[in-house]
Amino acid sequence: MKKTRRKIDAALKAKIALEALREQSTVTDLAQRYQVHVNQIYAWKKQRQDQAIRAFDAGGECQKFCVRAPL
């Protein structure tokens, strides 16, 4: 019998990555709680950090499309 792969939605990935960034519990604890591999959590954590850096980057996409409040 073939075992199907578990599909984790983006919201849960973001939640796990954010918990890993907060460092309130270890990555090992998070992996056990959510039943995912430790390396996967590290990868999601890195992706989340990279996205946050791009959001605040001066040449990022947000600068082109974000609406600024009038002074």
Protein backbone atom coordinates (compact mmCIF):
# COMPACT_ATOMS: atom_id res chain seq x y z
CA MET A 1 0.00 0.00 0.00
CA LYS A 2 1.32 3.40 -1.01
CA LYS A 3 1.42 6.17 1.60
CA THR A 4 0.33 9.58 0.34
CA ARG A 5 2.30 12.67 1.23
CA ARG A 6 0.86 15.11 3.72
CA LYS A 7 0.05 18.52 2.23
CA ILE A 8 0.55 21.47 4.56
CA ASP A 9 -1.21 24.69 3.62
CA ALA A 10 0.58 28.03 3.50
CA ALA A 11 -1.17 29.41 6.60
CA LEU A 12 0.11 26.56 8.76
CA LYS A 13 3.62 26.89 7.31
CA ALA A 14 3.60 30.61 8.13
CA LYS A 15 2.35 29.92 11.65
CA ILE A 16 5.07 27.33 12.29
CA ALA A 17 7.77 29.59 10.85
CA LEU A 18 6.62 32.50 12.98
CA GLU A 19 6.69 30.34 16.10
CA ALA A 20 10.22 29.26 15.19
CA LEU A 21 11.28 32.89 14.76
CA ARG A 22 9.86 33.83 18.16
CA GLU A 23 12.08 31.15 19.75
CA GLN A 24 9.64 30.56 22.61
CA SER A 25 10.00 26.82 22.06
CA THR A 26 12.70 24.79 20.35
CA VAL A 27 12.50 23.74 16.73
CA THR A 28 12.52 20.14 17.91
CA ASP A 29 9.43 20.80 20.04
CA LEU A 30 7.68 22.45 17.10
CA ALA A 31 8.57 19.52 14.84
CA GLN A 32 7.07 17.06 17.29
CA ARG A 33 3.97 19.17 17.90
CA TYR A 34 3.18 19.67 14.20
CA GLN A 35 4.62 16.33 13.03
CA VAL A 36 7.02 17.80 10.46
CA HIS A 37 10.76 17.36 10.01
CA VAL A 38 13.12 19.78 11.76
CA ASN A 39 14.87 20.66 8.48
CA GLN A 40 11.53 21.67 6.98
CA ILE A 41 10.91 24.12 9.83
CA TYR A 42 14.36 25.64 9.32
CA ALA A 43 13.60 26.07 5.61
CA TRP A 44 10.24 27.77 6.31
CA LYS A 45 11.91 29.99 8.92
CA LYS A 46 14.54 31.09 6.38
CA GLN A 47 11.86 31.77 3.75
CA ARG A 48 9.92 33.89 6.23
CA GLN A 49 13.03 35.90 7.11
CA ASP A 50 13.86 36.45 3.43
CA GLN A 51 10.33 37.66 2.72
CA ALA A 52 10.47 40.07 5.66
CA ILE A 53 13.75 41.49 4.43
CA ARG A 54 12.32 42.01 0.94
CA ALA A 55 9.26 43.76 2.38
CA PHE A 56 11.43 46.44 3.95
CA ASP A 57 14.01 46.65 1.18
CA ALA A 58 14.11 50.08 -0.52
CA GLY A 59 14.07 48.51 -4.01
CA GLY A 60 11.38 45.96 -3.17
CA GLU A 61 8.02 45.49 -4.84
CA CYS A 62 6.20 47.16 -1.97
CA GLN A 63 7.86 50.48 -2.75
CA LYS A 64 6.35 50.42 -6.23
CA PHE A 65 2.79 49.52 -5.24
CA CYS A 66 2.30 50.65 -1.62
CA VAL A 67 0.02 53.60 -1.01
CA ARG A 68 1.57 56.37 1.05
CA ALA A 69 -0.41 58.53 3.43
CA PRO A 70 -0.55 62.23 2.50
CA LEU A 71 1.62 64.51 4.62
